[in-house]
PDB file of N, CA and C in Angstrom:
ATOM      1  N   MET A   1      -7.304 166.418 201.309  1.00  0.00           N
ATOM      2  CA  MET A   1      -5.896 166.702 201.106  1.00  0.00           C
ATOM      3  C   MET A   1      -5.215 165.445 200.555  1.00  0.00           C
ATOM      4  N   LEU A   2      -4.451 165.623 199.517  1.00  0.00           N
ATOM      5  CA  LEU A   2      -3.701 164.515 198.930  1.00  0.00           C
ATOM      6  C   LEU A   2      -2.331 164.366 199.594  1.00  0.00           C
ATOM      7  N   SER A   3      -1.809 165.459 200.116  1.00  0.00           N
ATOM      8  CA  SER A   3      -0.561 165.451 200.883  1.00  0.00           C
ATOM      9  C   SER A   3      -0.648 166.597 201.885  1.00  0.00           C
ATOM     10  N   GLU A   4       0.429 166.873 202.598  1.00  0.00           N
ATOM     11  CA  GLU A   4       0.432 167.948 203.590  1.00  0.00           C
ATOM     12  C   GLU A   4       0.266 169.338 202.941  1.00  0.00           C
ATOM     13  N   GLN A   5       0.722 169.484 201.699  1.00  0.00           N
ATOM     14  CA  GLN A   5       0.694 170.798 201.043  1.00  0.00           C
ATOM     15  C   GLN A   5      -0.230 170.889 199.836  1.00  0.00           C
ATOM     16  N   PHE A   6      -0.818 169.798 199.385  1.00  0.00           N
ATOM     17  CA  PHE A   6      -1.569 169.791 198.132  1.00  0.00           C
ATOM     18  C   PHE A   6      -2.920 169.110 198.324  1.00  0.00           C
ATOM     19  N   GLY A   7      -3.982 169.707 197.758  1.00  0.00           N
ATOM     20  CA  GLY A   7      -5.312 169.109 197.883  1.00  0.00           C
ATOM     21  C   GLY A   7      -6.226 169.479 196.734  1.00  0.00           C
ATOM     22  N   ILE A   8      -7.402 168.856 196.725  1.00  0.00           N
ATOM     23  CA  ILE A   8      -8.442 169.107 195.742  1.00  0.00           C
ATOM     24  C   ILE A   8      -9.609 169.755 196.478  1.00  0.00           C
ATOM     25  N   LEU A   9     -10.243 170.746 195.850  1.00  0.00           N
ATOM     26  CA  LEU A   9     -11.354 171.423 196.507  1.00  0.00           C
ATOM     27  C   LEU A   9     -12.487 171.669 195.528  1.00  0.00           C
ATOM     28  N   GLY A  10     -13.639 171.967 196.061  1.00  0.00           N
ATOM     29  CA  GLY A  10     -14.804 172.345 195.277  1.00  0.00           C
ATOM     30  C   GLY A  10     -15.451 173.549 195.940  1.00  0.00           C
ATOM     31  N   THR A  11     -15.753 174.565 195.164  1.00  0.00           N
ATOM     32  CA  THR A  11     -16.389 175.762 195.682  1.00  0.00           C
ATOM     33  C   THR A  11     -17.828 175.782 195.193  1.00  0.00           C
ATOM     34  N   LEU A  12     -18.760 175.873 196.129  1.00  0.00           N
ATOM     35  CA  LEU A  12     -20.179 175.905 195.806  1.00  0.00           C
ATOM     36  C   LEU A  12     -20.691 177.324 195.963  1.00  0.00           C
ATOM     37  N   GLY A  13     -21.426 177.789 194.993  1.00  0.00           N
ATOM     38  CA  GLY A  13     -22.025 179.115 195.061  1.00  0.00           C
ATOM     39  C   GLY A  13     -23.493 179.053 194.685  1.00  0.00           C
ATOM     40  N   ALA A  14     -24.311 179.861 195.332  1.00  0.00           N
ATOM     41  CA  ALA A  14     -25.743 179.904 195.044  1.00  0.00           C
ATOM     42  C   ALA A  14     -26.266 181.294 195.382  1.00  0.00           C
ATOM     43  N   GLY A  15     -27.371 181.674 194.768  1.00  0.00           N
ATOM     44  CA  GLY A  15     -27.924 182.974 195.073  1.00  0.00           C
ATOM     45  C   GLY A  15     -29.222 183.254 194.354  1.00  0.00           C
ATOM     46  N   TYR A  16     -29.705 184.461 194.546  1.00  0.00           N
ATOM     47  CA  TYR A  16     -30.957 184.954 193.985  1.00  0.00           C
ATOM     48  C   TYR A  16     -30.622 185.987 192.915  1.00  0.00           C
ATOM     49  N   GLN A  17     -31.375 185.982 191.819  1.00  0.00           N
ATOM     50  CA  GLN A  17     -31.164 186.962 190.770  1.00  0.00           C
ATOM     51  C   GLN A  17     -32.474 187.680 190.458  1.00  0.00           C
ATOM     52  N   ASN A  18     -32.362 188.966 190.119  1.00  0.00           N
ATOM     53  CA  ASN A  18     -33.511 189.801 189.841  1.00  0.00           C
ATOM     54  C   ASN A  18     -33.155 190.699 188.654  1.00  0.00           C
ATOM     55  N   THR A  19     -34.021 190.768 187.640  1.00  0.00           N
ATOM     56  CA  THR A  19     -33.744 191.575 186.450  1.00  0.00           C
ATOM     57  C   THR A  19     -34.919 192.510 186.145  1.00  0.00           C
ATOM     58  N   PHE A  20     -34.625 193.604 185.462  1.00  0.00           N
ATOM     59  CA  PHE A  20     -35.633 194.541 184.973  1.00  0.00           C
ATOM     60  C   PHE A  20     -35.119 195.134 183.673  1.00  0.00           C
ATOM     61  N   THR A  21     -35.911 195.018 182.588  1.00  0.00           N
ATOM     62  CA  THR A  21     -35.504 195.534 181.287  1.00  0.00           C
ATOM     63  C   THR A  21     -36.671 196.274 180.640  1.00  0.00           C
ATOM     64  N   PRO A  22     -36.606 197.594 180.502  1.00  0.00           N
ATOM     65  CA  PRO A  22     -37.639 198.314 179.748  1.00  0.00           C
ATOM     66  C   PRO A  22     -37.269 198.348 178.268  1.00  0.00           C
ATOM     67  N   SER A  23     -38.272 198.249 177.396  1.00  0.00           N
ATOM     68  CA  SER A  23     -38.034 198.390 175.959  1.00  0.00           C
ATOM     69  C   SER A  23     -39.275 199.012 175.332  1.00  0.00           C
ATOM     70  N   TYR A  24     -39.120 199.606 174.175  1.00  0.00           N
ATOM     71  CA  TYR A  24     -40.229 200.281 173.499  1.00  0.00           C
ATOM     72  C   TYR A  24     -40.744 199.406 172.372  1.00  0.00           C
ATOM     73  N   ALA A  25     -42.058 199.276 172.294  1.00  0.00           N
ATOM     74  CA  ALA A  25     -42.687 198.489 171.234  1.00  0.00           C
ATOM     75  C   ALA A  25     -42.732 199.312 169.948  1.00  0.00           C
ATOM     76  N   SER A  26     -42.747 198.643 168.825  1.00  0.00           N
ATOM     77  CA  SER A  26     -42.765 199.350 167.538  1.00  0.00           C
ATOM     78  C   SER A  26     -44.196 199.426 166.989  1.00  0.00           C
ATOM     79  N   ASN A  27     -45.114 199.885 167.816  1.00  0.00           N
ATOM     80  CA  ASN A  27     -46.479 200.081 167.337  1.00  0.00           C
ATOM     81  C   ASN A  27     -46.816 201.572 167.379  1.00  0.00           C
ATOM     82  N   LEU A  28     -48.026 201.930 167.024  1.00  0.00           N
ATOM     83  CA  LEU A  28     -48.396 203.349 166.946  1.00  0.00           C
ATOM     84  C   LEU A  28     -48.442 204.033 168.314  1.00  0.00           C
ATOM     85  N   ASN A  29     -48.704 203.286 169.359  1.00  0.00           N
ATOM     86  CA  ASN A  29     -48.815 203.878 170.694  1.00  0.00           C
ATOM     87  C   ASN A  29     -47.474 204.019 171.403  1.00  0.00           C
ATOM     88  N   ASN A  30     -46.414 203.438 170.862  1.00  0.00           N
ATOM     89  CA  ASN A  30     -45.094 203.433 171.514  1.00  0.00           C
ATOM     90  C   ASN A  30     -45.170 202.979 172.968  1.00  0.00           C
ATOM     91  N   ASN A  31     -45.870 201.878 173.185  1.00  0.00           N
ATOM     92  CA  ASN A  31     -45.984 201.320 174.533  1.00  0.00           C
ATOM     93  C   ASN A  31     -44.623 200.875 175.050  1.00  0.00           C
ATOM     94  N   ILE A  32     -44.438 201.010 176.338  1.00  0.00           N
ATOM     95  CA  ILE A  32     -43.232 200.490 176.977  1.00  0.00           C
ATOM     96  C   ILE A  32     -43.538 199.084 177.484  1.00  0.00           C
ATOM     97  N   ILE A  33     -42.740 198.129 177.035  1.00  0.00           N
ATOM     98  CA  ILE A  33     -42.881 196.753 177.506  1.00  0.00           C
ATOM     99  C   ILE A  33     -41.802 196.525 178.543  1.00  0.00           C
ATOM    100  N   GLU A  34     -42.204 196.280 179.755  1.00  0.00           N
ATOM    101  CA  GLU A  34     -41.257 196.027 180.839  1.00  0.00           C
ATOM    102  C   GLU A  34     -41.146 194.530 181.053  1.00  0.00           C
ATOM    103  N   THR A  35     -39.932 194.054 181.092  1.00  0.00           N
ATOM    104  CA  THR A  35     -39.683 192.655 181.394  1.00  0.00           C
ATOM    105  C   THR A  35     -39.041 192.588 182.765  1.00  0.00           C
ATOM    106  N   LYS A  36     -39.700 191.897 183.677  1.00  0.00           N
ATOM    107  CA  LYS A  36     -39.180 191.694 185.024  1.00  0.00           C
ATOM    108  C   LYS A  36     -38.942 190.214 185.222  1.00  0.00           C
ATOM    109  N   GLY A  37     -37.925 189.897 185.966  1.00  0.00           N
ATOM    110  CA  GLY A  37     -37.636 188.494 186.217  1.00  0.00           C
ATOM    111  C   GLY A  37     -36.978 188.288 187.558  1.00  0.00           C
ATOM    112  N   ASN A  38     -37.176 187.107 188.102  1.00  0.00           N
ATOM    113  CA  ASN A  38     -36.474 186.714 189.317  1.00  0.00           C
ATOM    114  C   ASN A  38     -36.290 185.205 189.305  1.00  0.00           C
ATOM    115  N   GLY A  39     -35.302 184.752 190.025  1.00  0.00           N
ATOM    116  CA  GLY A  39     -34.999 183.331 190.062  1.00  0.00           C
ATOM    117  C   GLY A  39     -33.789 183.060 190.922  1.00  0.00           C
ATOM    118  N   PHE A  40     -33.142 181.940 190.651  1.00  0.00           N
ATOM    119  CA  PHE A  40     -31.988 181.531 191.445  1.00  0.00           C
ATOM    120  C   PHE A  40     -30.912 180.937 190.546  1.00  0.00           C
ATOM    121  N   TYR A  41     -29.727 180.788 191.104  1.00  0.00           N
ATOM    122  CA  TYR A  41     -28.624 180.154 190.395  1.00  0.00           C
ATOM    123  C   TYR A  41     -27.800 179.345 191.387  1.00  0.00           C
ATOM    124  N   ALA A  42     -27.106 178.345 190.883  1.00  0.00           N
ATOM    125  CA  ALA A  42     -26.213 177.523 191.699  1.00  0.00           C
ATOM    126  C   ALA A  42     -25.102 176.999 190.801  1.00  0.00           C
ATOM    127  N   GLY A  43     -23.924 176.842 191.375  1.00  0.00           N
ATOM    128  CA  GLY A  43     -22.807 176.337 190.598  1.00  0.00           C
ATOM    129  C   GLY A  43     -21.725 175.756 191.489  1.00  0.00           C
ATOM    130  N   ILE A  44     -20.921 174.890 190.898  1.00  0.00           N
ATOM    131  CA  ILE A  44     -19.784 174.303 191.606  1.00  0.00           C
ATOM    132  C   ILE A  44     -18.548 174.465 190.734  1.00  0.00           C
ATOM    133  N   THR A  45     -17.453 174.822 191.374  1.00  0.00           N
ATOM    134  CA  THR A  45     -16.183 175.028 190.694  1.00  0.00           C
ATOM    135  C   THR A  45     -15.142 174.109 191.310  1.00  0.00           C
ATOM    136  N   PRO A  46     -14.691 173.079 190.588  1.00  0.00           N
ATOM    137  CA  PRO A  46     -13.625 172.225 191.108  1.00  0.00           C
ATOM    138  C   PRO A  46     -12.266 172.894 190.932  1.00  0.00           C
ATOM    139  N   GLY A  47     -11.337 172.572 191.812  1.00  0.00           N
ATOM    140  CA  GLY A  47     -10.010 173.170 191.719  1.00  0.00           C
ATOM    141  C   GLY A  47      -8.981 172.426 192.544  1.00  0.00           C
ATOM    142  N   VAL A  48      -7.785 172.961 192.546  1.00  0.00           N
ATOM    143  CA  VAL A  48      -6.681 172.416 193.342  1.00  0.00           C
ATOM    144  C   VAL A  48      -6.150 173.522 194.247  1.00  0.00           C
ATOM    145  N   ILE A  49      -5.543 173.117 195.353  1.00  0.00           N
ATOM    146  CA  ILE A  49      -4.986 174.086 196.294  1.00  0.00           C
ATOM    147  C   ILE A  49      -3.600 173.633 196.731  1.00  0.00           C
ATOM    148  N   PHE A  50      -2.721 174.608 196.896  1.00  0.00           N
ATOM    149  CA  PHE A  50      -1.345 174.354 197.335  1.00  0.00           C
ATOM    150  C   PHE A  50      -1.059 175.260 198.526  1.00  0.00           C
ATOM    151  N   PHE A  51      -0.484 174.698 199.588  1.00  0.00           N
ATOM    152  CA  PHE A  51      -0.125 175.441 200.791  1.00  0.00           C
ATOM    153  C   PHE A  51       1.387 175.613 200.868  1.00  0.00           C
ATOM    154  N   PRO A  52       1.931 176.777 200.449  1.00  0.00           N
ATOM    155  CA  PRO A  52       3.377 177.002 200.565  1.00  0.00           C
ATOM    156  C   PRO A  52       3.795 177.186 202.027  1.00  0.00           C
ATOM    157  N   VAL A  53       2.889 177.711 202.855  1.00  0.00           N
ATOM    158  CA  VAL A  53       3.065 177.823 204.303  1.00  0.00           C
ATOM    159  C   VAL A  53       1.795 177.257 204.935  1.00  0.00           C
ATOM    160  N   PRO A  54       1.831 176.866 206.217  1.00  0.00           N
ATOM    161  CA  PRO A  54       0.700 176.127 206.789  1.00  0.00           C
ATOM    162  C   PRO A  54      -0.679 176.803 206.732  1.00  0.00           C
ATOM    163  N   LYS A  55      -0.802 178.112 206.823  1.00  0.00           N
ATOM    164  CA  LYS A  55      -2.123 178.733 206.890  1.00  0.00           C
ATOM    165  C   LYS A  55      -2.534 179.494 205.638  1.00  0.00           C
ATOM    166  N   PHE A  56      -1.710 179.535 204.626  1.00  0.00           N
ATOM    167  CA  PHE A  56      -2.026 180.269 203.409  1.00  0.00           C
ATOM    168  C   PHE A  56      -2.069 179.307 202.231  1.00  0.00           C
ATOM    169  N   GLY A  57      -3.206 179.289 201.506  1.00  0.00           N
ATOM    170  CA  GLY A  57      -3.371 178.415 200.356  1.00  0.00           C
ATOM    171  C   GLY A  57      -3.510 179.185 199.065  1.00  0.00           C
ATOM    172  N   ILE A  58      -2.884 178.690 198.013  1.00  0.00           N
ATOM    173  CA  ILE A  58      -3.004 179.247 196.667  1.00  0.00           C
ATOM    174  C   ILE A  58      -3.827 178.252 195.861  1.00  0.00           C
ATOM    175  N   SER A  59      -4.945 178.720 195.293  1.00  0.00           N
ATOM    176  CA  SER A  59      -5.839 177.807 194.578  1.00  0.00           C
ATOM    177  C   SER A  59      -5.922 178.171 193.101  1.00  0.00           C
ATOM    178  N   ALA A  60      -6.320 177.183 192.300  1.00  0.00           N
ATOM    179  CA  ALA A  60      -6.513 177.368 190.865  1.00  0.00           C
ATOM    180  C   ALA A  60      -7.694 176.510 190.422  1.00  0.00           C
ATOM    181  N   SER A  61      -8.495 177.062 189.514  1.00  0.00           N
ATOM    182  CA  SER A  61      -9.593 176.303 188.912  1.00  0.00           C
ATOM    183  C   SER A  61      -9.640 176.621 187.423  1.00  0.00           C
ATOM    184  N   ILE A  62     -10.263 175.724 186.655  1.00  0.00           N
ATOM    185  CA  ILE A  62     -10.255 175.886 185.212  1.00  0.00           C
ATOM    186  C   ILE A  62     -11.650 175.713 184.613  1.00  0.00           C
ATOM    187  N   GLY A  63     -12.698 175.968 185.398  1.00  0.00           N
ATOM    188  CA  GLY A  63     -14.050 175.879 184.863  1.00  0.00           C
ATOM    189  C   GLY A  63     -15.082 175.701 185.945  1.00  0.00           C
ATOM    190  N   SER A  64     -16.337 175.558 185.518  1.00  0.00           N
ATOM    191  CA  SER A  64     -17.426 175.403 186.475  1.00  0.00           C
ATOM    192  C   SER A  64     -18.601 174.677 185.833  1.00  0.00           C
ATOM    193  N   LEU A  65     -19.484 174.218 186.696  1.00  0.00           N
ATOM    194  CA  LEU A  65     -20.712 173.543 186.315  1.00  0.00           C
ATOM    195  C   LEU A  65     -21.836 174.300 186.999  1.00  0.00           C
ATOM    196  N   GLY A  66     -22.876 174.718 186.255  1.00  0.00           N
ATOM    197  CA  GLY A  66     -23.886 175.559 186.882  1.00  0.00           C
ATOM    198  C   GLY A  66     -25.280 175.370 186.337  1.00  0.00           C
ATOM    199  N   TYR A  67     -26.252 175.852 187.120  1.00  0.00           N
ATOM    200  CA  TYR A  67     -27.672 175.823 186.758  1.00  0.00           C
ATOM    201  C   TYR A  67     -28.290 177.138 187.195  1.00  0.00           C
ATOM    202  N   ASP A  68     -29.175 177.694 186.357  1.00  0.00           N
ATOM    203  CA  ASP A  68     -29.933 178.863 186.780  1.00  0.00           C
ATOM    204  C   ASP A  68     -31.341 178.810 186.214  1.00  0.00           C
ATOM    205  N   GLN A  69     -32.255 179.436 186.921  1.00  0.00           N
ATOM    206  CA  GLN A  69     -33.658 179.494 186.514  1.00  0.00           C
ATOM    207  C   GLN A  69     -34.154 180.915 186.711  1.00  0.00           C
ATOM    208  N   LEU A  70     -34.858 181.440 185.710  1.00  0.00           N
ATOM    209  CA  LEU A  70     -35.370 182.803 185.750  1.00  0.00           C
ATOM    210  C   LEU A  70     -36.818 182.791 185.297  1.00  0.00           C
ATOM    211  N   ASN A  71     -37.713 183.324 186.118  1.00  0.00           N
ATOM    212  CA  ASN A  71     -39.129 183.464 185.780  1.00  0.00           C
ATOM    213  C   ASN A  71     -39.336 184.892 185.299  1.00  0.00           C
ATOM    214  N   GLN A  72     -39.725 185.048 184.025  1.00  0.00           N
ATOM    215  CA  GLN A  72     -39.884 186.372 183.434  1.00  0.00           C
ATOM    216  C   GLN A  72     -41.362 186.714 183.268  1.00  0.00           C
ATOM    217  N   GLU A  73     -41.678 187.978 183.485  1.00  0.00           N
ATOM    218  CA  GLU A  73     -43.041 188.476 183.345  1.00  0.00           C
ATOM    219  C   GLU A  73     -42.999 189.776 182.552  1.00  0.00           C
ATOM    220  N   ARG A  74     -43.886 189.900 181.554  1.00  0.00           N
ATOM    221  CA  ARG A  74     -43.932 191.107 180.723  1.00  0.00           C
ATOM    222  C   ARG A  74     -45.308 191.755 180.828  1.00  0.00           C
ATOM    223  N   ASN A  75     -45.336 193.076 180.809  1.00  0.00           N
ATOM    224  CA  ASN A  75     -46.608 193.780 180.706  1.00  0.00           C
ATOM    225  C   ASN A  75     -46.770 194.278 179.279  1.00  0.00           C
ATOM    226  N   ASN A  76     -47.973 194.474 178.819  1.00  0.00           N
ATOM    227  CA  ASN A  76     -48.298 194.980 177.479  1.00  0.00           C
ATOM    228  C   ASN A  76     -47.710 194.138 176.352  1.00  0.00           C
ATOM    229  N   ASP A  77     -47.503 192.865 176.568  1.00  0.00           N
ATOM    230  CA  ASP A  77     -46.918 192.008 175.540  1.00  0.00           C
ATOM    231  C   ASP A  77     -48.021 191.166 174.895  1.00  0.00           C
ATOM    232  N   PRO A  78     -48.267 191.299 173.593  1.00  0.00           N
ATOM    233  CA  PRO A  78     -49.343 190.540 172.949  1.00  0.00           C
ATOM    234  C   PRO A  78     -49.030 189.044 172.819  1.00  0.00           C
ATOM    235  N   ASP A  79     -47.766 188.645 172.915  1.00  0.00           N
ATOM    236  CA  ASP A  79     -47.403 187.235 172.736  1.00  0.00           C
ATOM    237  C   ASP A  79     -47.518 186.413 174.010  1.00  0.00           C
ATOM    238  N   GLY A  80     -47.760 186.997 175.127  1.00  0.00           N
ATOM    239  CA  GLY A  80     -47.834 186.254 176.383  1.00  0.00           C
ATOM    240  C   GLY A  80     -47.176 187.038 177.490  1.00  0.00           C
ATOM    241  N   THR A  81     -47.481 186.691 178.717  1.00  0.00           N
ATOM    242  CA  THR A  81     -46.987 187.500 179.820  1.00  0.00           C
ATOM    243  C   THR A  81     -45.947 186.804 180.688  1.00  0.00           C
ATOM    244  N   GLU A  82     -45.904 185.477 180.706  1.00  0.00           N
ATOM    245  CA  GLU A  82     -44.959 184.784 181.594  1.00  0.00           C
ATOM    246  C   GLU A  82     -44.200 183.698 180.843  1.00  0.00           C
ATOM    247  N   ARG A  83     -42.964 183.517 181.254  1.00  0.00           N
ATOM    248  CA  ARG A  83     -42.191 182.379 180.750  1.00  0.00           C
ATOM    249  C   ARG A  83     -41.091 182.048 181.743  1.00  0.00           C
ATOM    250  N   LYS A  84     -40.670 180.807 181.723  1.00  0.00           N
ATOM    251  CA  LYS A  84     -39.625 180.331 182.621  1.00  0.00           C
ATOM    252  C   LYS A  84     -38.423 179.929 181.771  1.00  0.00           C
ATOM    253  N   VAL A  85     -37.263 180.456 182.123  1.00  0.00           N
ATOM    254  CA  VAL A  85     -36.033 180.156 181.393  1.00  0.00           C
ATOM    255  C   VAL A  85     -35.088 179.424 182.335  1.00  0.00           C
ATOM    256  N   SER A  86     -34.607 178.258 181.910  1.00  0.00           N
ATOM    257  CA  SER A  86     -33.662 177.479 182.712  1.00  0.00           C
ATOM    258  C   SER A  86     -32.433 177.164 181.878  1.00  0.00           C
ATOM    259  N   ASN A  87     -31.268 177.207 182.501  1.00  0.00           N
ATOM    260  CA  ASN A  87     -30.009 176.890 181.829  1.00  0.00           C
ATOM    261  C   ASN A  87     -29.180 175.971 182.708  1.00  0.00           C
ATOM    262  N   PHE A  88     -28.611 174.972 182.081  1.00  0.00           N
ATOM    263  CA  PHE A  88     -27.644 174.101 182.742  1.00  0.00           C
ATOM    264  C   PHE A  88     -26.440 174.034 181.833  1.00  0.00           C
ATOM    265  N   GLY A  89     -25.248 174.230 182.390  1.00  0.00           N
ATOM    266  CA  GLY A  89     -24.091 174.225 181.516  1.00  0.00           C
ATOM    267  C   GLY A  89     -22.785 174.005 182.237  1.00  0.00           C
ATOM    268  N   ALA A  90     -21.809 173.643 181.447  1.00  0.00           N
ATOM    269  CA  ALA A  90     -20.447 173.465 181.921  1.00  0.00           C
ATOM    270  C   ALA A  90     -19.549 174.382 181.109  1.00  0.00           C
ATOM    271  N   ARG A  91     -18.677 175.083 181.797  1.00  0.00           N
ATOM    272  CA  ARG A  91     -17.723 175.980 181.134  1.00  0.00           C
ATOM    273  C   ARG A  91     -16.324 175.595 181.604  1.00  0.00           C
ATOM    274  N   PHE A  92     -15.567 175.009 180.718  1.00  0.00           N
ATOM    275  CA  PHE A  92     -14.198 174.606 181.029  1.00  0.00           C
ATOM    276  C   PHE A  92     -13.290 175.067 179.906  1.00  0.00           C
ATOM    277  N   GLY A  93     -12.075 175.420 180.242  1.00  0.00           N
ATOM    278  CA  GLY A  93     -11.104 175.856 179.249  1.00  0.00           C
ATOM    279  C   GLY A  93     -10.165 176.897 179.821  1.00  0.00           C
ATOM    280  N   LEU A  94      -9.164 177.260 179.060  1.00  0.00           N
ATOM    281  CA  LEU A  94      -8.183 178.226 179.535  1.00  0.00           C
ATOM    282  C   LEU A  94      -8.779 179.618 179.732  1.00  0.00           C
ATOM    283  N   SER A  95      -9.878 179.935 179.052  1.00  0.00           N
ATOM    284  CA  SER A  95     -10.518 181.231 179.263  1.00  0.00           C
ATOM    285  C   SER A  95     -11.223 181.302 180.617  1.00  0.00           C
ATOM    286  N   GLU A  96     -11.408 180.180 181.290  1.00  0.00           N
ATOM    287  CA  GLU A  96     -12.050 180.123 182.604  1.00  0.00           C
ATOM    288  C   GLU A  96     -11.034 179.953 183.736  1.00  0.00           C
ATOM    289  N   LEU A  97      -9.763 180.068 183.448  1.00  0.00           N
ATOM    290  CA  LEU A  97      -8.707 179.861 184.447  1.00  0.00           C
ATOM    291  C   LEU A  97      -8.747 180.951 185.512  1.00  0.00           C
ATOM    292  N   LEU A  98      -8.837 180.545 186.776  1.00  0.00           N
ATOM    293  CA  LEU A  98      -8.880 181.478 187.914  1.00  0.00           C
ATOM    294  C   LEU A  98      -7.850 181.070 188.958  1.00  0.00           C
ATOM    295  N   PHE A  99      -7.210 182.065 189.568  1.00  0.00           N
ATOM    296  CA  PHE A  99      -6.288 181.844 190.671  1.00  0.00           C
ATOM    297  C   PHE A  99      -6.805 182.593 191.889  1.00  0.00           C
ATOM    298  N   GLY A 100      -6.508 182.067 193.075  1.00  0.00           N
ATOM    299  CA  GLY A 100      -6.940 182.732 194.298  1.00  0.00           C
ATOM    300  C   GLY A 100      -6.014 182.414 195.448  1.00  0.00           C
ATOM    301  N   GLY A 101      -6.123 183.204 196.474  1.00  0.00           N
ATOM    302  CA  GLY A 101      -5.357 182.983 197.696  1.00  0.00           C
ATOM    303  C   GLY A 101      -6.280 183.067 198.896  1.00  0.00           C
ATOM    304  N   THR A 102      -6.063 182.204 199.882  1.00  0.00           N
ATOM    305  CA  THR A 102      -6.914 182.167 201.069  1.00  0.00           C
ATOM    306  C   THR A 102      -6.060 181.970 202.308  1.00  0.00           C
ATOM    307  N   TYR A 103      -6.390 182.730 203.339  1.00  0.00           N
ATOM    308  CA  TYR A 103      -5.744 182.555 204.635  1.00  0.00           C
ATOM    309  C   TYR A 103      -6.698 181.783 205.533  1.00  0.00           C
ATOM    310  N   TYR A 104      -6.250 180.686 206.113  1.00  0.00           N
ATOM    311  CA  TYR A 104      -7.057 179.830 206.972  1.00  0.00           C
ATOM    312  C   TYR A 104      -6.677 180.067 208.421  1.00  0.00           C
ATOM    313  N   PHE A 105      -7.626 180.578 209.212  1.00  0.00           N
ATOM    314  CA  PHE A 105      -7.367 180.870 210.624  1.00  0.00           C
ATOM    315  C   PHE A 105      -7.243 179.589 211.462  1.00  0.00           C
ATOM    316  N   GLY A 106      -8.052 178.578 211.173  1.00  0.00           N
ATOM    317  CA  GLY A 106      -8.099 177.385 212.021  1.00  0.00           C
ATOM    318  C   GLY A 106      -7.278 176.209 211.556  1.00  0.00           C
ATOM    319  N   ARG A 107      -6.512 176.349 210.533  1.00  0.00           N
ATOM    320  CA  ARG A 107      -5.768 175.194 210.017  1.00  0.00           C
ATOM    321  C   ARG A 107      -4.528 174.945 210.837  1.00  0.00           C
TER     322      ARG A 107
END
């Protein structure tokens, strides 16, 4: 807290992701190539918070920093069956502007 009513915060999020995508190959057998994937993601969102009353806070953030990893597996694919995709990125700007409200029971 920078003062009684104003502070800086960071929101951390993490989780598991699972994907499934069927597609048809363009060969004579019309094989179905299924792509399955699973992995994890994590991100942090910095922001500011204002307390107009003691237990209710109004927050705002303008971007995030995140990482995700996805292990993909394909069946019937002649180019290979497994690959790992990782992304690290920062998204900041007015298109990422978020507002929120939180009630704090113990404050």
